[in-house]
PDB file of N, CA and C in Angstrom:
ATOM      1  N   MET A   1     130.784 147.325 102.239  1.00  0.00           N
ATOM      2  CA  MET A   1     129.388 145.975 102.339  1.00  0.00           C
ATOM      3  C   MET A   1     129.782 145.137 101.431  1.00  0.00           C
ATOM      4  N   ALA A   2     129.271 143.891 101.345  1.00  0.00           N
ATOM      5  CA  ALA A   2     129.740 142.528 100.307  1.00  0.00           C
ATOM      6  C   ALA A   2     128.977 143.008  99.381  1.00  0.00           C
ATOM      7  N   THR A   3     128.909 142.575  97.925  1.00  0.00           N
ATOM      8  CA  THR A   3     128.659 142.683  96.795  1.00  0.00           C
ATOM      9  C   THR A   3     128.740 141.251  96.299  1.00  0.00           C
ATOM     10  N   HIS A   4     127.382 140.803  94.979  1.00  0.00           N
ATOM     11  CA  HIS A   4     127.423 139.315  94.830  1.00  0.00           C
ATOM     12  C   HIS A   4     127.859 139.890  93.282  1.00  0.00           C
ATOM     13  N   HIS A   5     128.537 138.522  93.113  1.00  0.00           N
ATOM     14  CA  HIS A   5     128.623 138.853  91.510  1.00  0.00           C
ATOM     15  C   HIS A   5     128.036 137.868  90.587  1.00  0.00           C
ATOM     16  N   HIS A   6     128.542 138.016  89.398  1.00  0.00           N
ATOM     17  CA  HIS A   6     127.457 137.335  88.423  1.00  0.00           C
ATOM     18  C   HIS A   6     128.440 137.392  86.896  1.00  0.00           C
ATOM     19  N   GLN A   7     129.665 137.291  87.345  1.00  0.00           N
ATOM     20  CA  GLN A   7     130.511 137.948  85.767  1.00  0.00           C
ATOM     21  C   GLN A   7     130.262 136.734  84.749  1.00  0.00           C
ATOM     22  N   PHE A   8     130.135 135.546  85.423  1.00  0.00           N
ATOM     23  CA  PHE A   8     130.817 134.811  84.499  1.00  0.00           C
ATOM     24  C   PHE A   8     129.132 134.532  83.072  1.00  0.00           C
ATOM     25  N   VAL A   9     127.680 134.939  83.627  1.00  0.00           N
ATOM     26  CA  VAL A   9     127.236 135.141  82.535  1.00  0.00           C
ATOM     27  C   VAL A   9     127.567 136.137  81.367  1.00  0.00           C
ATOM     28  N   GLU A  10     128.536 137.037  81.616  1.00  0.00           N
ATOM     29  CA  GLU A  10     128.965 138.377  81.260  1.00  0.00           C
ATOM     30  C   GLU A  10     129.533 137.960  80.279  1.00  0.00           C
ATOM     31  N   THR A  11     130.808 136.882  80.540  1.00  0.00           N
ATOM     32  CA  THR A  11     132.004 137.213  80.046  1.00  0.00           C
ATOM     33  C   THR A  11     132.239 135.218  79.390  1.00  0.00           C
ATOM     34  N   TYR A  12     131.455 134.450  79.679  1.00  0.00           N
ATOM     35  CA  TYR A  12     131.569 133.247  78.925  1.00  0.00           C
ATOM     36  C   TYR A  12     131.142 132.840  77.476  1.00  0.00           C
ATOM     37  N   ASP A  13     131.809 132.885  76.701  1.00  0.00           N
ATOM     38  CA  ASP A  13     131.417 132.966  74.809  1.00  0.00           C
ATOM     39  C   ASP A  13     131.550 131.552  74.302  1.00  0.00           C
ATOM     40  N   GLY A  14     131.477 130.339  75.631  1.00  0.00           N
ATOM     41  CA  GLY A  14     131.761 128.814  74.852  1.00  0.00           C
ATOM     42  C   GLY A  14     130.624 128.039  74.606  1.00  0.00           C
ATOM     43  N   LEU A  15     130.506 126.838  74.616  1.00  0.00           N
ATOM     44  CA  LEU A  15     129.165 126.339  74.300  1.00  0.00           C
ATOM     45  C   LEU A  15     128.932 126.355  75.156  1.00  0.00           C
ATOM     46  N   VAL A  16     127.472 126.077  75.274  1.00  0.00           N
ATOM     47  CA  VAL A  16     126.519 125.924  76.159  1.00  0.00           C
ATOM     48  C   VAL A  16     125.490 124.507  76.047  1.00  0.00           C
ATOM     49  N   GLY A  17     125.877 123.500  76.358  1.00  0.00           N
ATOM     50  CA  GLY A  17     125.044 122.342  76.690  1.00  0.00           C
ATOM     51  C   GLY A  17     125.499 121.558  77.524  1.00  0.00           C
ATOM     52  N   PHE A  18     124.623 120.140  77.745  1.00  0.00           N
ATOM     53  CA  PHE A  18     124.829 119.768  79.113  1.00  0.00           C
ATOM     54  C   PHE A  18     124.689 117.800  78.990  1.00  0.00           C
ATOM     55  N   GLY A  19     125.603 117.286  79.642  1.00  0.00           N
ATOM     56  CA  GLY A  19     125.788 115.832  79.324  1.00  0.00           C
ATOM     57  C   GLY A  19     126.762 115.030  78.133  1.00  0.00           C
ATOM     58  N   LEU A  20     128.362 116.494  78.041  1.00  0.00           N
ATOM     59  CA  LEU A  20     128.994 116.022  77.085  1.00  0.00           C
ATOM     60  C   LEU A  20     129.911 115.937  77.881  1.00  0.00           C
ATOM     61  N   ASP A  21     130.729 116.262  78.544  1.00  0.00           N
ATOM     62  CA  ASP A  21     131.630 116.481  79.561  1.00  0.00           C
ATOM     63  C   ASP A  21     131.234 117.081  81.157  1.00  0.00           C
ATOM     64  N   ARG A  22     132.306 117.000  81.609  1.00  0.00           N
ATOM     65  CA  ARG A  22     132.039 117.530  83.355  1.00  0.00           C
ATOM     66  C   ARG A  22     132.430 119.243  83.140  1.00  0.00           C
ATOM     67  N   LYS A  23     133.952 119.500  82.226  1.00  0.00           N
ATOM     68  CA  LYS A  23     133.987 121.332  82.181  1.00  0.00           C
ATOM     69  C   LYS A  23     132.857 121.818  81.530  1.00  0.00           C
ATOM     70  N   LEU A  24     131.856 121.260  80.357  1.00  0.00           N
ATOM     71  CA  LEU A  24     130.720 122.133  80.061  1.00  0.00           C
ATOM     72  C   LEU A  24     129.782 122.142  80.699  1.00  0.00           C
ATOM     73  N   ASP A  25     129.628 120.714  81.087  1.00  0.00           N
ATOM     74  CA  ASP A  25     128.718 120.910  81.976  1.00  0.00           C
ATOM     75  C   ASP A  25     128.088 122.082  83.726  1.00  0.00           C
ATOM     76  N   GLU A  26     129.456 122.235  84.239  1.00  0.00           N
ATOM     77  CA  GLU A  26     130.084 123.137  85.086  1.00  0.00           C
ATOM     78  C   GLU A  26     129.746 124.677  84.466  1.00  0.00           C
ATOM     79  N   CYS A  27     130.072 125.108  83.123  1.00  0.00           N
ATOM     80  CA  CYS A  27     129.903 126.286  82.369  1.00  0.00           C
ATOM     81  C   CYS A  27     128.159 126.363  82.067  1.00  0.00           C
ATOM     82  N   ALA A  28     127.644 125.013  81.595  1.00  0.00           N
ATOM     83  CA  ALA A  28     126.355 125.155  81.301  1.00  0.00           C
ATOM     84  C   ALA A  28     125.381 125.858  83.118  1.00  0.00           C
ATOM     85  N   LEU A  29     125.849 124.757  83.424  1.00  0.00           N
ATOM     86  CA  LEU A  29     125.280 125.459  85.163  1.00  0.00           C
ATOM     87  C   LEU A  29     125.316 126.381  86.026  1.00  0.00           C
ATOM     88  N   ILE A  30     126.632 126.836  85.860  1.00  0.00           N
ATOM     89  CA  ILE A  30     126.390 128.480  86.048  1.00  0.00           C
ATOM     90  C   ILE A  30     125.808 129.600  85.718  1.00  0.00           C
ATOM     91  N   LEU A  31     126.491 129.554  84.086  1.00  0.00           N
ATOM     92  CA  LEU A  31     125.456 129.865  83.150  1.00  0.00           C
ATOM     93  C   LEU A  31     123.977 129.941  83.642  1.00  0.00           C
ATOM     94  N   TYR A  32     123.154 128.781  83.565  1.00  0.00           N
ATOM     95  CA  TYR A  32     121.624 128.636  83.614  1.00  0.00           C
ATOM     96  C   TYR A  32     121.662 129.423  85.260  1.00  0.00           C
ATOM     97  N   LEU A  33     121.871 129.479  86.013  1.00  0.00           N
ATOM     98  CA  LEU A  33     122.216 129.980  87.551  1.00  0.00           C
ATOM     99  C   LEU A  33     121.822 131.280  87.387  1.00  0.00           C
ATOM    100  N   GLN A  34     123.452 131.696  87.030  1.00  0.00           N
ATOM    101  CA  GLN A  34     122.909 133.203  87.352  1.00  0.00           C
ATOM    102  C   GLN A  34     121.863 134.178  86.057  1.00  0.00           C
ATOM    103  N   LYS A  35     121.754 133.086  84.591  1.00  0.00           N
ATOM    104  CA  LYS A  35     120.615 133.638  84.158  1.00  0.00           C
ATOM    105  C   LYS A  35     119.303 133.863  85.277  1.00  0.00           C
ATOM    106  N   PHE A  36     119.205 132.849  85.659  1.00  0.00           N
ATOM    107  CA  PHE A  36     117.720 131.998  86.078  1.00  0.00           C
ATOM    108  C   PHE A  36     117.559 133.337  87.338  1.00  0.00           C
ATOM    109  N   SER A  37     118.778 133.268  88.400  1.00  0.00           N
ATOM    110  CA  SER A  37     118.684 134.495  88.955  1.00  0.00           C
ATOM    111  C   SER A  37     118.715 136.207  89.056  1.00  0.00           C
ATOM    112  N   ASP A  38     118.743 136.258  87.326  1.00  0.00           N
ATOM    113  CA  ASP A  38     118.533 137.781  86.746  1.00  0.00           C
ATOM    114  C   ASP A  38     117.483 138.051  87.735  1.00  0.00           C
ATOM    115  N   ASP A  39     117.442 139.516  88.261  1.00  0.00           N
ATOM    116  CA  ASP A  39     116.073 139.824  88.402  1.00  0.00           C
ATOM    117  C   ASP A  39     115.162 140.178  87.570  1.00  0.00           C
ATOM    118  N   ASP A  40     115.467 140.242  86.562  1.00  0.00           N
ATOM    119  CA  ASP A  40     114.020 140.686  85.645  1.00  0.00           C
ATOM    120  C   ASP A  40     113.477 139.314  85.315  1.00  0.00           C
ATOM    121  N   VAL A  41     114.404 138.020  84.989  1.00  0.00           N
ATOM    122  CA  VAL A  41     113.697 136.561  84.939  1.00  0.00           C
ATOM    123  C   VAL A  41     112.998 136.499  86.207  1.00  0.00           C
ATOM    124  N   MET A  42     113.743 137.000  87.585  1.00  0.00           N
ATOM    125  CA  MET A  42     113.320 136.777  89.079  1.00  0.00           C
ATOM    126  C   MET A  42     111.527 137.118  89.047  1.00  0.00           C
ATOM    127  N   ALA A  43     112.189 138.332  88.964  1.00  0.00           N
ATOM    128  CA  ALA A  43     110.453 139.576  88.896  1.00  0.00           C
ATOM    129  C   ALA A  43     109.180 138.836  87.912  1.00  0.00           C
ATOM    130  N   LEU A  44     109.689 138.107  86.485  1.00  0.00           N
ATOM    131  CA  LEU A  44     108.717 137.274  85.979  1.00  0.00           C
ATOM    132  C   LEU A  44     107.969 135.905  86.482  1.00  0.00           C
ATOM    133  N   ILE A  45     109.125 135.164  87.118  1.00  0.00           N
ATOM    134  CA  ILE A  45     108.839 133.976  87.325  1.00  0.00           C
ATOM    135  C   ILE A  45     108.132 133.548  88.801  1.00  0.00           C
ATOM    136  N   ARG A  46     108.995 134.802  89.721  1.00  0.00           N
ATOM    137  CA  ARG A  46     108.471 134.429  91.141  1.00  0.00           C
ATOM    138  C   ARG A  46     106.944 134.089  91.766  1.00  0.00           C
ATOM    139  N   GLU A  47     106.052 135.467  90.599  1.00  0.00           N
ATOM    140  CA  GLU A  47     104.987 135.436  91.325  1.00  0.00           C
ATOM    141  C   GLU A  47     103.972 134.078  90.207  1.00  0.00           C
ATOM    142  N   ARG A  48     104.694 133.204  89.503  1.00  0.00           N
ATOM    143  CA  ARG A  48     103.663 132.429  88.770  1.00  0.00           C
ATOM    144  C   ARG A  48     104.543 131.306  89.402  1.00  0.00           C
ATOM    145  N   MET A  49     105.550 131.165  89.802  1.00  0.00           N
ATOM    146  CA  MET A  49     105.317 129.610  90.520  1.00  0.00           C
ATOM    147  C   MET A  49     104.753 129.238  91.341  1.00  0.00           C
ATOM    148  N   SER A  50     104.676 127.854  91.008  1.00  0.00           N
ATOM    149  CA  SER A  50     103.595 127.445  92.277  1.00  0.00           C
ATOM    150  C   SER A  50     104.319 127.335  93.614  1.00  0.00           C
ATOM    151  N   GLN A  51     102.857 127.308  94.833  1.00  0.00           N
ATOM    152  CA  GLN A  51     104.420 127.078  95.970  1.00  0.00           C
ATOM    153  C   GLN A  51     105.380 125.799  96.387  1.00  0.00           C
ATOM    154  N   ALA A  52     104.786 124.854  95.536  1.00  0.00           N
ATOM    155  CA  ALA A  52     105.072 123.765  95.855  1.00  0.00           C
ATOM    156  C   ALA A  52     106.922 123.393  94.927  1.00  0.00           C
ATOM    157  N   ASP A  53     106.213 124.163  93.858  1.00  0.00           N
ATOM    158  CA  ASP A  53     107.991 124.746  92.954  1.00  0.00           C
ATOM    159  C   ASP A  53     108.566 125.693  93.661  1.00  0.00           C
ATOM    160  N   MET A  54     108.154 126.568  94.577  1.00  0.00           N
ATOM    161  CA  MET A  54     109.010 127.589  95.026  1.00  0.00           C
ATOM    162  C   MET A  54     109.740 126.360  96.456  1.00  0.00           C
ATOM    163  N   GLU A  55     108.670 125.547  97.136  1.00  0.00           N
ATOM    164  CA  GLU A  55     109.860 124.845  98.006  1.00  0.00           C
ATOM    165  C   GLU A  55     110.374 123.916  97.965  1.00  0.00           C
ATOM    166  N   GLU A  56     110.283 123.316  96.484  1.00  0.00           N
ATOM    167  CA  GLU A  56     110.858 122.544  95.944  1.00  0.00           C
ATOM    168  C   GLU A  56     112.172 122.988  95.559  1.00  0.00           C
ATOM    169  N   LEU A  57     112.603 124.268  94.941  1.00  0.00           N
ATOM    170  CA  LEU A  57     113.725 124.473  94.639  1.00  0.00           C
ATOM    171  C   LEU A  57     114.627 125.143  95.970  1.00  0.00           C
ATOM    172  N   PHE A  58     113.700 125.885  96.731  1.00  0.00           N
ATOM    173  CA  PHE A  58     114.530 126.536  98.203  1.00  0.00           C
ATOM    174  C   PHE A  58     115.529 124.786  98.702  1.00  0.00           C
ATOM    175  N   ASP A  59     114.013 123.845  98.999  1.00  0.00           N
ATOM    176  CA  ASP A  59     115.307 122.779  99.524  1.00  0.00           C
ATOM    177  C   ASP A  59     116.566 122.545  98.641  1.00  0.00           C
ATOM    178  N   LEU A  60     116.421 122.355  97.491  1.00  0.00           N
ATOM    179  CA  LEU A  60     117.137 121.298  96.421  1.00  0.00           C
ATOM    180  C   LEU A  60     118.592 122.621  97.056  1.00  0.00           C
ATOM    181  N   LEU A  61     118.117 123.677  96.783  1.00  0.00           N
ATOM    182  CA  LEU A  61     119.317 124.755  96.782  1.00  0.00           C
ATOM    183  C   LEU A  61     120.357 124.765  98.256  1.00  0.00           C
ATOM    184  N   ALA A  62     119.208 124.572  99.007  1.00  0.00           N
ATOM    185  CA  ALA A  62     119.630 124.313 101.123  1.00  0.00           C
ATOM    186  C   ALA A  62     120.377 123.122 101.017  1.00  0.00           C
ATOM    187  N   ARG A  63     119.835 121.557 100.124  1.00  0.00           N
ATOM    188  CA  ARG A  63     120.507 120.683 100.625  1.00  0.00           C
ATOM    189  C   ARG A  63     122.078 120.925 100.132  1.00  0.00           C
ATOM    190  N   LEU A  64     122.191 121.534  98.820  1.00  0.00           N
ATOM    191  CA  LEU A  64     123.023 121.395  98.371  1.00  0.00           C
ATOM    192  C   LEU A  64     124.332 122.396  98.905  1.00  0.00           C
ATOM    193  N   LEU A  65     123.559 123.665  99.554  1.00  0.00           N
ATOM    194  CA  LEU A  65     124.678 124.395 100.154  1.00  0.00           C
ATOM    195  C   LEU A  65     125.081 123.545 101.147  1.00  0.00           C
ATOM    196  N   LYS A  66     124.107 123.026 102.359  1.00  0.00           N
ATOM    197  CA  LYS A  66     124.511 122.594 102.831  1.00  0.00           C
ATOM    198  C   LYS A  66     125.436 121.095 102.756  1.00  0.00           C
ATOM    199  N   ARG A  67     125.055 120.459 101.741  1.00  0.00           N
ATOM    200  CA  ARG A  67     126.177 119.156 101.396  1.00  0.00           C
ATOM    201  C   ARG A  67     127.805 120.243 101.057  1.00  0.00           C
ATOM    202  N   TYR A  68     128.108 120.826 100.470  1.00  0.00           N
ATOM    203  CA  TYR A  68     129.383 120.907  99.742  1.00  0.00           C
ATOM    204  C   TYR A  68     130.069 122.454 100.323  1.00  0.00           C
ATOM    205  N   LEU A  69     129.292 123.073 101.269  1.00  0.00           N
ATOM    206  CA  LEU A  69     130.282 124.341 101.726  1.00  0.00           C
ATOM    207  C   LEU A  69     129.923 123.842 103.298  1.00  0.00           C
ATOM    208  N   THR A  70     131.244 124.172 103.549  1.00  0.00           N
ATOM    209  CA  THR A  70     131.274 124.226 105.222  1.00  0.00           C
ATOM    210  C   THR A  70     130.276 125.197 105.973  1.00  0.00           C
ATOM    211  N   GLU A  71     130.345 125.290 107.261  1.00  0.00           N
ATOM    212  CA  GLU A  71     129.752 126.341 107.418  1.00  0.00           C
ATOM    213  C   GLU A  71     130.230 128.012 107.872  1.00  0.00           C
ATOM    214  N   GLU A  72     131.759 127.534 108.014  1.00  0.00           N
ATOM    215  CA  GLU A  72     132.666 128.886 107.010  1.00  0.00           C
ATOM    216  C   GLU A  72     132.160 129.506 105.907  1.00  0.00           C
ATOM    217  N   GLU A  73     132.169 128.505 104.808  1.00  0.00           N
ATOM    218  CA  GLU A  73     132.410 128.795 103.195  1.00  0.00           C
ATOM    219  C   GLU A  73     130.909 129.500 103.493  1.00  0.00           C
ATOM    220  N   TYR A  74     129.903 129.366 103.947  1.00  0.00           N
ATOM    221  CA  TYR A  74     128.332 129.296 103.483  1.00  0.00           C
ATOM    222  C   TYR A  74     128.028 130.648 103.981  1.00  0.00           C
ATOM    223  N   HIS A  75     128.577 130.908 105.382  1.00  0.00           N
ATOM    224  CA  HIS A  75     128.788 132.686 105.887  1.00  0.00           C
ATOM    225  C   HIS A  75     129.395 133.458 105.101  1.00  0.00           C
ATOM    226  N   GLN A  76     131.211 133.078 104.184  1.00  0.00           N
ATOM    227  CA  GLN A  76     131.524 133.744 103.788  1.00  0.00           C
ATOM    228  C   GLN A  76     131.218 133.912 102.246  1.00  0.00           C
ATOM    229  N   TYR A  77     130.977 133.016 101.697  1.00  0.00           N
ATOM    230  CA  TYR A  77     130.685 133.035 100.367  1.00  0.00           C
ATOM    231  C   TYR A  77     129.099 133.344 100.136  1.00  0.00           C
ATOM    232  N   PHE A  78     128.282 132.789 100.827  1.00  0.00           N
ATOM    233  CA  PHE A  78     127.075 132.521 100.622  1.00  0.00           C
ATOM    234  C   PHE A  78     126.024 133.597 101.442  1.00  0.00           C
ATOM    235  N   LEU A  79     126.090 133.976 102.363  1.00  0.00           N
ATOM    236  CA  LEU A  79     125.764 135.633 103.126  1.00  0.00           C
ATOM    237  C   LEU A  79     126.302 136.415 103.340  1.00  0.00           C
ATOM    238  N   LYS A  80     127.388 136.125 103.054  1.00  0.00           N
ATOM    239  CA  LYS A  80     128.609 137.464 102.825  1.00  0.00           C
ATOM    240  C   LYS A  80     128.914 137.786 104.507  1.00  0.00           C
ATOM    241  N   ASP A  81     128.863 136.851 104.712  1.00  0.00           N
ATOM    242  CA  ASP A  81     128.996 137.706 106.305  1.00  0.00           C
ATOM    243  C   ASP A  81     130.062 138.089 106.363  1.00  0.00           C
ATOM    244  N   ALA A  82     130.566 139.660 107.001  1.00  0.00           N
ATOM    245  CA  ALA A  82     131.809 140.260 107.462  1.00  0.00           C
ATOM    246  C   ALA A  82     132.267 139.220 108.385  1.00  0.00           C
ATOM    247  N   ALA A  83     133.472 139.390 107.636  1.00  0.00           N
ATOM    248  CA  ALA A  83     134.709 138.265 108.771  1.00  0.00           C
ATOM    249  C   ALA A  83     134.960 138.873 110.203  1.00  0.00           C
TER     250      ALA A  83
END
């Protein structure tokens, strides 16, 4: 069975900021997304989020996945479908 990985948030010890340069932006984005998707954070926020915010977030994620992943990558890396 495939597993999900969130190791970056556990090992990153660099600067956390956004807007200074591309590499730092990438690191900050990974860090924020992994922290945001933490089960404990989601347990707190999911029932507090408005339906509109949930729809907006879902639509954004779906749009980015469609834009930047091929169909094969979507199944392999996001859905973790068996090859």
